[in-house]
Each structure stands twice: as structure tokens, then as C-alpha cells.
Amino acid sequence: MSEGKARIEETDIPEKMQTQAMACAAQALDLFDVFDCISIAAHIKKEFDKMYGSGWQCVAGSNFGCFFTDTPGTFIYFALETLNFLIFKGATS
């Protein structure tokens, strides 16, 4: 696994969740081809739903933009290998 090589860009989640996010991403990269970003993101989302309840979202890729509203304390954006990962729990309006 390569979670030790991850670079966190922005986050407001506790350290334990940060570690789990990077471990989930590393696991997904071991399971799926690096170009299969949909399967990678789906894997991470499902793992976070299992660990922290439903409602998590994940974006994985090398070139994307986004604008979203998250629940405070549920956001992490990091890079691992050639991909960037955005994991968050959506806020209710």
C-alpha cells in the first residue's frame, strides 16, 4: 500500500479519518486500474458509508473541478500517486 506517499491538500476531518481515507484510496488503487476512476471512487464511497454512515461522496481523478457544500468535519482533499481524491459528506440545505 502507498498511503504513506499521500499529500493532503485540504481537510477538516480528524487524523484517524485522514489515515482511513488514504488507506481506502491506496486499497482502491491496488484493486482497480488507475484509469478506472469510477470504480476507485465507488470503492472509497462504499467504505466510508460502512465506517461512518451513509451520505458520503467521493471524486477521484487527475483533472476535475468541483463546487459543493459539505457537513463540517467531513472533508478531505488529497493526492496519491497520479490521482487526486475528494471525499466529503454532503450538507443538507
PDB file of N, CA and C in Angstrom:
ATOM      1  N   MET A   1       0.842  -1.201   0.000  1.00  0.00           N
ATOM      2  CA  MET A   1       0.000   0.000   0.000  1.00  0.00           C
ATOM      3  C   MET A   1       0.870   1.242   0.000  1.00  0.00           C
ATOM      4  N   SER A   2       0.318   2.317  -0.515  1.00  0.00           N
ATOM      5  CA  SER A   2       1.128   3.524  -0.680  1.00  0.00           C
ATOM      6  C   SER A   2       0.547   4.738   0.039  1.00  0.00           C
ATOM      7  N   GLU A   3      -0.229   4.516   1.107  1.00  0.00           N
ATOM      8  CA  GLU A   3      -0.841   5.658   1.783  1.00  0.00           C
ATOM      9  C   GLU A   3       0.180   6.600   2.411  1.00  0.00           C
ATOM     10  N   GLY A   4       1.385   6.131   2.668  1.00  0.00           N
ATOM     11  CA  GLY A   4       2.414   6.983   3.230  1.00  0.00           C
ATOM     12  C   GLY A   4       2.890   8.054   2.264  1.00  0.00           C
ATOM     13  N   LYS A   5       2.608   7.866   0.974  1.00  0.00           N
ATOM     14  CA  LYS A   5       3.040   8.806  -0.047  1.00  0.00           C
ATOM     15  C   LYS A   5       1.963   9.821  -0.385  1.00  0.00           C
ATOM     16  N   ALA A   6       0.859   9.813   0.332  1.00  0.00           N
ATOM     17  CA  ALA A   6      -0.236  10.743   0.059  1.00  0.00           C
ATOM     18  C   ALA A   6       0.140  12.148   0.537  1.00  0.00           C
ATOM     19  N   ARG A   7      -0.407  13.135  -0.172  1.00  0.00           N
ATOM     20  CA  ARG A   7      -0.178  14.528   0.185  1.00  0.00           C
ATOM     21  C   ARG A   7      -1.532  15.200   0.397  1.00  0.00           C
ATOM     22  N   ILE A   8      -1.832  15.562   1.632  1.00  0.00           N
ATOM     23  CA  ILE A   8      -3.095  16.211   1.950  1.00  0.00           C
ATOM     24  C   ILE A   8      -3.017  17.674   1.533  1.00  0.00           C
ATOM     25  N   GLU A   9      -3.988  18.092   0.749  1.00  0.00           N
ATOM     26  CA  GLU A   9      -4.055  19.481   0.295  1.00  0.00           C
ATOM     27  C   GLU A   9      -4.927  20.322   1.228  1.00  0.00           C
ATOM     28  N   GLU A  10      -6.050  19.759   1.635  1.00  0.00           N
ATOM     29  CA  GLU A  10      -7.005  20.487   2.492  1.00  0.00           C
ATOM     30  C   GLU A  10      -7.873  19.463   3.211  1.00  0.00           C
ATOM     31  N   THR A  11      -8.181  19.730   4.487  1.00  0.00           N
ATOM     32  CA  THR A  11      -9.038  18.814   5.228  1.00  0.00           C
ATOM     33  C   THR A  11      -9.578  19.487   6.485  1.00  0.00           C
ATOM     34  N   ASP A  12     -10.697  18.972   6.969  1.00  0.00           N
ATOM     35  CA  ASP A  12     -11.197  19.382   8.282  1.00  0.00           C
ATOM     36  C   ASP A  12     -11.658  18.164   9.090  1.00  0.00           C
ATOM     37  N   ILE A  13     -11.188  16.963   8.677  1.00  0.00           N
ATOM     38  CA  ILE A  13     -11.561  15.750   9.408  1.00  0.00           C
ATOM     39  C   ILE A  13     -10.460  15.368  10.392  1.00  0.00           C
ATOM     40  N   PRO A  14     -10.808  14.597  11.423  1.00  0.00           N
ATOM     41  CA  PRO A  14      -9.809  14.154  12.407  1.00  0.00           C
ATOM     42  C   PRO A  14      -8.717  13.287  11.755  1.00  0.00           C
ATOM     43  N   GLU A  15      -7.577  13.222  12.400  1.00  0.00           N
ATOM     44  CA  GLU A  15      -6.432  12.473  11.871  1.00  0.00           C
ATOM     45  C   GLU A  15      -6.759  11.014  11.581  1.00  0.00           C
ATOM     46  N   LYS A  16      -7.526  10.377  12.442  1.00  0.00           N
ATOM     47  CA  LYS A  16      -7.875   8.967  12.228  1.00  0.00           C
ATOM     48  C   LYS A  16      -8.625   8.793  10.912  1.00  0.00           C
ATOM     49  N   MET A  17      -9.551   9.698  10.617  1.00  0.00           N
ATOM     50  CA  MET A  17     -10.299   9.629   9.364  1.00  0.00           C
ATOM     51  C   MET A  17      -9.398   9.941   8.172  1.00  0.00           C
ATOM     52  N   GLN A  18      -8.446  10.829   8.350  1.00  0.00           N
ATOM     53  CA  GLN A  18      -7.494  11.136   7.282  1.00  0.00           C
ATOM     54  C   GLN A  18      -6.720   9.879   6.910  1.00  0.00           C
ATOM     55  N   THR A  19      -6.241   9.184   7.925  1.00  0.00           N
ATOM     56  CA  THR A  19      -5.489   7.952   7.707  1.00  0.00           C
ATOM     57  C   THR A  19      -6.354   6.912   7.010  1.00  0.00           C
ATOM     58  N   GLN A  20      -7.611   6.797   7.435  1.00  0.00           N
ATOM     59  CA  GLN A  20      -8.514   5.831   6.816  1.00  0.00           C
ATOM     60  C   GLN A  20      -8.827   6.203   5.370  1.00  0.00           C
ATOM     61  N   ALA A  21      -8.967   7.490   5.086  1.00  0.00           N
ATOM     62  CA  ALA A  21      -9.228   7.939   3.717  1.00  0.00           C
ATOM     63  C   ALA A  21      -8.064   7.553   2.802  1.00  0.00           C
ATOM     64  N   MET A  22      -6.849   7.803   3.261  1.00  0.00           N
ATOM     65  CA  MET A  22      -5.678   7.481   2.454  1.00  0.00           C
ATOM     66  C   MET A  22      -5.500   5.971   2.303  1.00  0.00           C
ATOM     67  N   ALA A  23      -5.812   5.213   3.356  1.00  0.00           N
ATOM     68  CA  ALA A  23      -5.730   3.754   3.276  1.00  0.00           C
ATOM     69  C   ALA A  23      -6.774   3.200   2.305  1.00  0.00           C
ATOM     70  N   CYS A  24      -7.981   3.754   2.326  1.00  0.00           N
ATOM     71  CA  CYS A  24      -9.032   3.329   1.383  1.00  0.00           C
ATOM     72  C   CYS A  24      -8.609   3.625  -0.056  1.00  0.00           C
ATOM     73  N   ALA A  25      -8.022   4.777  -0.275  1.00  0.00           N
ATOM     74  CA  ALA A  25      -7.560   5.148  -1.613  1.00  0.00           C
ATOM     75  C   ALA A  25      -6.451   4.211  -2.077  1.00  0.00           C
ATOM     76  N   ALA A  26      -5.507   3.918  -1.200  1.00  0.00           N
ATOM     77  CA  ALA A  26      -4.413   3.005  -1.548  1.00  0.00           C
ATOM     78  C   ALA A  26      -4.962   1.614  -1.862  1.00  0.00           C
ATOM     79  N   GLN A  27      -5.927   1.168  -1.070  1.00  0.00           N
ATOM     80  CA  GLN A  27      -6.550  -0.135  -1.310  1.00  0.00           C
ATOM     81  C   GLN A  27      -7.257  -0.146  -2.671  1.00  0.00           C
ATOM     82  N   ALA A  28      -7.979   0.915  -2.977  1.00  0.00           N
ATOM     83  CA  ALA A  28      -8.681   1.009  -4.262  1.00  0.00           C
ATOM     84  C   ALA A  28      -7.693   0.989  -5.430  1.00  0.00           C
ATOM     85  N   LEU A  29      -6.556   1.650  -5.264  1.00  0.00           N
ATOM     86  CA  LEU A  29      -5.540   1.642  -6.316  1.00  0.00           C
ATOM     87  C   LEU A  29      -4.925   0.262  -6.493  1.00  0.00           C
ATOM     88  N   ASP A  30      -4.892  -0.535  -5.423  1.00  0.00           N
ATOM     89  CA  ASP A  30      -4.421  -1.917  -5.523  1.00  0.00           C
ATOM     90  C   ASP A  30      -5.445  -2.801  -6.229  1.00  0.00           C
ATOM     91  N   LEU A  31      -6.734  -2.491  -6.049  1.00  0.00           N
ATOM     92  CA  LEU A  31      -7.808  -3.321  -6.596  1.00  0.00           C
ATOM     93  C   LEU A  31      -8.172  -2.992  -8.042  1.00  0.00           C
ATOM     94  N   PHE A  32      -8.041  -1.721  -8.426  1.00  0.00           N
ATOM     95  CA  PHE A  32      -8.513  -1.272  -9.730  1.00  0.00           C
ATOM     96  C   PHE A  32      -7.399  -0.598 -10.522  1.00  0.00           C
ATOM     97  N   ASP A  33      -7.535  -0.619 -11.832  1.00  0.00           N
ATOM     98  CA  ASP A  33      -6.618   0.089 -12.707  1.00  0.00           C
ATOM     99  C   ASP A  33      -6.690   1.581 -12.411  1.00  0.00           C
ATOM    100  N   VAL A  34      -5.581   2.267 -12.453  1.00  0.00           N
ATOM    101  CA  VAL A  34      -5.526   3.695 -12.117  1.00  0.00           C
ATOM    102  C   VAL A  34      -6.422   4.529 -13.031  1.00  0.00           C
ATOM    103  N   PHE A  35      -6.739   4.030 -14.216  1.00  0.00           N
ATOM    104  CA  PHE A  35      -7.608   4.755 -15.139  1.00  0.00           C
ATOM    105  C   PHE A  35      -9.088   4.522 -14.872  1.00  0.00           C
ATOM    106  N   ASP A  36      -9.418   3.591 -13.985  1.00  0.00           N
ATOM    107  CA  ASP A  36     -10.815   3.273 -13.653  1.00  0.00           C
ATOM    108  C   ASP A  36     -11.255   4.106 -12.444  1.00  0.00           C
ATOM    109  N   CYS A  37     -11.318   5.413 -12.644  1.00  0.00           N
ATOM    110  CA  CYS A  37     -11.604   6.337 -11.540  1.00  0.00           C
ATOM    111  C   CYS A  37     -13.002   6.141 -10.960  1.00  0.00           C
ATOM    112  N   ILE A  38     -13.947   5.700 -11.764  1.00  0.00           N
ATOM    113  CA  ILE A  38     -15.309   5.482 -11.255  1.00  0.00           C
ATOM    114  C   ILE A  38     -15.311   4.343 -10.240  1.00  0.00           C
ATOM    115  N   SER A  39     -14.650   3.238 -10.552  1.00  0.00           N
ATOM    116  CA  SER A  39     -14.587   2.116  -9.607  1.00  0.00           C
ATOM    117  C   SER A  39     -13.802   2.480  -8.352  1.00  0.00           C
ATOM    118  N   ILE A  40     -12.741   3.249  -8.527  1.00  0.00           N
ATOM    119  CA  ILE A  40     -11.932   3.695  -7.384  1.00  0.00           C
ATOM    120  C   ILE A  40     -12.781   4.559  -6.454  1.00  0.00           C
ATOM    121  N   ALA A  41     -13.476   5.550  -7.024  1.00  0.00           N
ATOM    122  CA  ALA A  41     -14.321   6.437  -6.214  1.00  0.00           C
ATOM    123  C   ALA A  41     -15.462   5.661  -5.554  1.00  0.00           C
ATOM    124  N   ALA A  42     -16.082   4.730  -6.283  1.00  0.00           N
ATOM    125  CA  ALA A  42     -17.179   3.933  -5.728  1.00  0.00           C
ATOM    126  C   ALA A  42     -16.699   3.097  -4.544  1.00  0.00           C
ATOM    127  N   HIS A  43     -15.514   2.521  -4.667  1.00  0.00           N
ATOM    128  CA  HIS A  43     -14.957   1.716  -3.570  1.00  0.00           C
ATOM    129  C   HIS A  43     -14.769   2.556  -2.308  1.00  0.00           C
ATOM    130  N   ILE A  44     -14.170   3.731  -2.468  1.00  0.00           N
ATOM    131  CA  ILE A  44     -13.915   4.605  -1.324  1.00  0.00           C
ATOM    132  C   ILE A  44     -15.230   5.061  -0.696  1.00  0.00           C
ATOM    133  N   LYS A  45     -16.197   5.458  -1.519  1.00  0.00           N
ATOM    134  CA  LYS A  45     -17.500   5.903  -1.025  1.00  0.00           C
ATOM    135  C   LYS A  45     -18.175   4.801  -0.208  1.00  0.00           C
ATOM    136  N   LYS A  46     -18.173   3.580  -0.734  1.00  0.00           N
ATOM    137  CA  LYS A  46     -18.809   2.448  -0.036  1.00  0.00           C
ATOM    138  C   LYS A  46     -18.121   2.162   1.297  1.00  0.00           C
ATOM    139  N   GLU A  47     -16.791   2.244   1.320  1.00  0.00           N
ATOM    140  CA  GLU A  47     -16.061   2.011   2.576  1.00  0.00           C
ATOM    141  C   GLU A  47     -16.397   3.085   3.611  1.00  0.00           C
ATOM    142  N   PHE A  48     -16.454   4.343   3.187  1.00  0.00           N
ATOM    143  CA  PHE A  48     -16.793   5.418   4.124  1.00  0.00           C
ATOM    144  C   PHE A  48     -18.245   5.311   4.591  1.00  0.00           C
ATOM    145  N   ASP A  49     -19.149   4.908   3.708  1.00  0.00           N
ATOM    146  CA  ASP A  49     -20.540   4.683   4.115  1.00  0.00           C
ATOM    147  C   ASP A  49     -20.609   3.598   5.185  1.00  0.00           C
ATOM    148  N   LYS A  50     -19.808   2.536   5.019  1.00  0.00           N
ATOM    149  CA  LYS A  50     -19.786   1.445   6.017  1.00  0.00           C
ATOM    150  C   LYS A  50     -19.233   1.928   7.352  1.00  0.00           C
ATOM    151  N   MET A  51     -18.151   2.697   7.302  1.00  0.00           N
ATOM    152  CA  MET A  51     -17.474   3.129   8.533  1.00  0.00           C
ATOM    153  C   MET A  51     -18.198   4.261   9.250  1.00  0.00           C
ATOM    154  N   TYR A  52     -18.786   5.201   8.486  1.00  0.00           N
ATOM    155  CA  TYR A  52     -19.295   6.436   9.084  1.00  0.00           C
ATOM    156  C   TYR A  52     -20.744   6.754   8.744  1.00  0.00           C
ATOM    157  N   GLY A  53     -21.493   5.792   8.225  1.00  0.00           N
ATOM    158  CA  GLY A  53     -22.888   6.025   7.881  1.00  0.00           C
ATOM    159  C   GLY A  53     -23.025   6.544   6.457  1.00  0.00           C
ATOM    160  N   SER A  54     -24.219   6.461   5.932  1.00  0.00           N
ATOM    161  CA  SER A  54     -24.431   6.799   4.520  1.00  0.00           C
ATOM    162  C   SER A  54     -24.349   8.303   4.254  1.00  0.00           C
ATOM    163  N   GLY A  55     -24.219   8.640   2.983  1.00  0.00           N
ATOM    164  CA  GLY A  55     -24.202  10.039   2.565  1.00  0.00           C
ATOM    165  C   GLY A  55     -22.858  10.552   2.110  1.00  0.00           C
ATOM    166  N   TRP A  56     -21.826   9.702   2.100  1.00  0.00           N
ATOM    167  CA  TRP A  56     -20.501  10.137   1.679  1.00  0.00           C
ATOM    168  C   TRP A  56     -20.417  10.212   0.167  1.00  0.00           C
ATOM    169  N   GLN A  57     -19.579  11.103  -0.314  1.00  0.00           N
ATOM    170  CA  GLN A  57     -19.340  11.278  -1.745  1.00  0.00           C
ATOM    171  C   GLN A  57     -17.832  11.207  -1.974  1.00  0.00           C
ATOM    172  N   CYS A  58     -17.442  10.736  -3.150  1.00  0.00           N
ATOM    173  CA  CYS A  58     -16.023  10.661  -3.487  1.00  0.00           C
ATOM    174  C   CYS A  58     -15.836  10.988  -4.956  1.00  0.00           C
ATOM    175  N   VAL A  59     -14.834  11.804  -5.226  1.00  0.00           N
ATOM    176  CA  VAL A  59     -14.413  12.117  -6.580  1.00  0.00           C
ATOM    177  C   VAL A  59     -12.943  11.720  -6.663  1.00  0.00           C
ATOM    178  N   ALA A  60     -12.592  10.982  -7.720  1.00  0.00           N
ATOM    179  CA  ALA A  60     -11.201  10.579  -7.928  1.00  0.00           C
ATOM    180  C   ALA A  60     -10.836  10.863  -9.379  1.00  0.00           C
ATOM    181  N   GLY A  61      -9.670  11.438  -9.582  1.00  0.00           N
ATOM    182  CA  GLY A  61      -9.226  11.707 -10.943  1.00  0.00           C
ATOM    183  C   GLY A  61      -8.009  12.594 -10.951  1.00  0.00           C
ATOM    184  N   SER A  62      -7.558  12.908 -12.155  1.00  0.00           N
ATOM    185  CA  SER A  62      -6.364  13.736 -12.269  1.00  0.00           C
ATOM    186  C   SER A  62      -6.678  15.145 -12.763  1.00  0.00           C
ATOM    187  N   ASN A  63      -7.904  15.377 -13.201  1.00  0.00           N
ATOM    188  CA  ASN A  63      -8.253  16.694 -13.723  1.00  0.00           C
ATOM    189  C   ASN A  63      -9.750  16.931 -13.539  1.00  0.00           C
ATOM    190  N   PHE A  64     -10.112  17.552 -12.441  1.00  0.00           N
ATOM    191  CA  PHE A  64     -11.530  17.839 -12.209  1.00  0.00           C
ATOM    192  C   PHE A  64     -11.676  19.119 -11.409  1.00  0.00           C
ATOM    193  N   GLY A  65     -12.806  19.744 -11.559  1.00  0.00           N
ATOM    194  CA  GLY A  65     -13.165  20.905 -10.756  1.00  0.00           C
ATOM    195  C   GLY A  65     -14.441  20.581 -10.008  1.00  0.00           C
ATOM    196  N   CYS A  66     -14.689  21.271  -8.934  1.00  0.00           N
ATOM    197  CA  CYS A  66     -15.906  20.996  -8.180  1.00  0.00           C
ATOM    198  C   CYS A  66     -16.271  22.206  -7.321  1.00  0.00           C
ATOM    199  N   PHE A  67     -17.516  22.222  -6.940  1.00  0.00           N
ATOM    200  CA  PHE A  67     -18.040  23.219  -6.017  1.00  0.00           C
ATOM    201  C   PHE A  67     -19.146  22.527  -5.254  1.00  0.00           C
ATOM    202  N   PHE A  68     -19.053  22.486  -3.928  1.00  0.00           N
ATOM    203  CA  PHE A  68     -20.008  21.715  -3.139  1.00  0.00           C
ATOM    204  C   PHE A  68     -20.140  22.306  -1.749  1.00  0.00           C
ATOM    205  N   THR A  69     -21.160  21.869  -1.056  1.00  0.00           N
ATOM    206  CA  THR A  69     -21.361  22.221   0.347  1.00  0.00           C
ATOM    207  C   THR A  69     -21.280  20.933   1.147  1.00  0.00           C
ATOM    208  N   ASP A  70     -20.399  20.923   2.138  1.00  0.00           N
ATOM    209  CA  ASP A  70     -20.233  19.708   2.941  1.00  0.00           C
ATOM    210  C   ASP A  70     -20.666  19.942   4.373  1.00  0.00           C
ATOM    211  N   THR A  71     -20.873  18.847   5.067  1.00  0.00           N
ATOM    212  CA  THR A  71     -21.123  18.888   6.500  1.00  0.00           C
ATOM    213  C   THR A  71     -19.783  19.194   7.181  1.00  0.00           C
ATOM    214  N   PRO A  72     -19.730  20.170   8.089  1.00  0.00           N
ATOM    215  CA  PRO A  72     -18.457  20.487   8.751  1.00  0.00           C
ATOM    216  C   PRO A  72     -17.821  19.243   9.383  1.00  0.00           C
ATOM    217  N   GLY A  73     -16.517  19.122   9.219  1.00  0.00           N
ATOM    218  CA  GLY A  73     -15.779  17.995   9.794  1.00  0.00           C
ATOM    219  C   GLY A  73     -15.801  16.744   8.933  1.00  0.00           C
ATOM    220  N   THR A  74     -16.153  16.879   7.642  1.00  0.00           N
ATOM    221  CA  THR A  74     -16.266  15.686   6.791  1.00  0.00           C
ATOM    222  C   THR A  74     -15.571  15.844   5.439  1.00  0.00           C
ATOM    223  N   PHE A  75     -14.588  16.690   5.337  1.00  0.00           N
ATOM    224  CA  PHE A  75     -13.980  16.997   4.046  1.00  0.00           C
ATOM    225  C   PHE A  75     -12.493  16.696   4.039  1.00  0.00           C
ATOM    226  N   ILE A  76     -12.049  16.019   2.978  1.00  0.00           N
ATOM    227  CA  ILE A  76     -10.610  15.835   2.761  1.00  0.00           C
ATOM    228  C   ILE A  76     -10.336  15.841   1.261  1.00  0.00           C
ATOM    229  N   TYR A  77      -9.272  16.525   0.894  1.00  0.00           N
ATOM    230  CA  TYR A  77      -8.795  16.566  -0.486  1.00  0.00           C
ATOM    231  C   TYR A  77      -7.313  16.243  -0.443  1.00  0.00           C
ATOM    232  N   PHE A  78      -6.909  15.175  -1.137  1.00  0.00           N
ATOM    233  CA  PHE A  78      -5.510  14.763  -1.110  1.00  0.00           C
ATOM    234  C   PHE A  78      -5.103  14.137  -2.431  1.00  0.00           C
ATOM    235  N   ALA A  79      -3.802  14.033  -2.608  1.00  0.00           N
ATOM    236  CA  ALA A  79      -3.217  13.420  -3.800  1.00  0.00           C
ATOM    237  C   ALA A  79      -2.506  12.148  -3.380  1.00  0.00           C
ATOM    238  N   LEU A  80      -2.641  11.128  -4.230  1.00  0.00           N
ATOM    239  CA  LEU A  80      -1.947   9.857  -4.008  1.00  0.00           C
ATOM    240  C   LEU A  80      -1.586   9.296  -5.377  1.00  0.00           C
ATOM    241  N   GLU A  81      -0.321   9.005  -5.551  1.00  0.00           N
ATOM    242  CA  GLU A  81       0.199   8.585  -6.849  1.00  0.00           C
ATOM    243  C   GLU A  81      -0.172   9.643  -7.893  1.00  0.00           C
ATOM    244  N   THR A  82      -0.851   9.275  -8.959  1.00  0.00           N
ATOM    245  CA  THR A  82      -1.163  10.238 -10.020  1.00  0.00           C
ATOM    246  C   THR A  82      -2.569  10.808  -9.908  1.00  0.00           C
ATOM    247  N   LEU A  83      -3.317  10.433  -8.865  1.00  0.00           N
ATOM    248  CA  LEU A  83      -4.707  10.864  -8.741  1.00  0.00           C
ATOM    249  C   LEU A  83      -4.921  11.812  -7.569  1.00  0.00           C
ATOM    250  N   ASN A  84      -5.967  12.610  -7.687  1.00  0.00           N
ATOM    251  CA  ASN A  84      -6.442  13.443  -6.584  1.00  0.00           C
ATOM    252  C   ASN A  84      -7.755  12.849  -6.091  1.00  0.00           C
ATOM    253  N   PHE A  85      -7.996  12.992  -4.799  1.00  0.00           N
ATOM    254  CA  PHE A  85      -9.190  12.431  -4.180  1.00  0.00           C
ATOM    255  C   PHE A  85      -9.905  13.502  -3.361  1.00  0.00           C
ATOM    256  N   LEU A  86     -11.192  13.565  -3.538  1.00  0.00           N
ATOM    257  CA  LEU A  86     -12.048  14.459  -2.774  1.00  0.00           C
ATOM    258  C   LEU A  86     -13.108  13.587  -2.117  1.00  0.00           C
ATOM    259  N   ILE A  87     -13.144  13.582  -0.802  1.00  0.00           N
ATOM    260  CA  ILE A  87     -14.125  12.803  -0.044  1.00  0.00           C
ATOM    261  C   ILE A  87     -14.839  13.762   0.890  1.00  0.00           C
ATOM    262  N   PHE A  88     -16.167  13.712   0.907  1.00  0.00           N
ATOM    263  CA  PHE A  88     -16.926  14.591   1.786  1.00  0.00           C
ATOM    264  C   PHE A  88     -18.325  14.018   1.999  1.00  0.00           C
ATOM    265  N   LYS A  89     -18.956  14.502   3.041  1.00  0.00           N
ATOM    266  CA  LYS A  89     -20.348  14.160   3.292  1.00  0.00           C
ATOM    267  C   LYS A  89     -21.162  15.409   2.984  1.00  0.00           C
ATOM    268  N   GLY A  90     -22.128  15.275   2.098  1.00  0.00           N
ATOM    269  CA  GLY A  90     -22.919  16.408   1.665  1.00  0.00           C
ATOM    270  C   GLY A  90     -23.728  17.019   2.804  1.00  0.00           C
ATOM    271  N   ALA A  91     -23.908  18.321   2.737  1.00  0.00           N
ATOM    272  CA  ALA A  91     -24.699  19.044   3.742  1.00  0.00           C
ATOM    273  C   ALA A  91     -26.147  19.120   3.271  1.00  0.00           C
ATOM    274  N   THR A  92     -27.055  19.071   4.228  1.00  0.00           N
ATOM    275  CA  THR A  92     -28.464  19.265   3.890  1.00  0.00           C
ATOM    276  C   THR A  92     -28.747  20.759   3.902  1.00  0.00           C
ATOM    277  N   SER A  93     -29.577  21.177   2.976  1.00  0.00           N
ATOM    278  CA  SER A  93     -29.843  22.622   2.877  1.00  0.00           C
ATOM    279  C   SER A  93     -30.927  23.074   3.829  1.00  0.00           C
TER     280      SER A  93
END
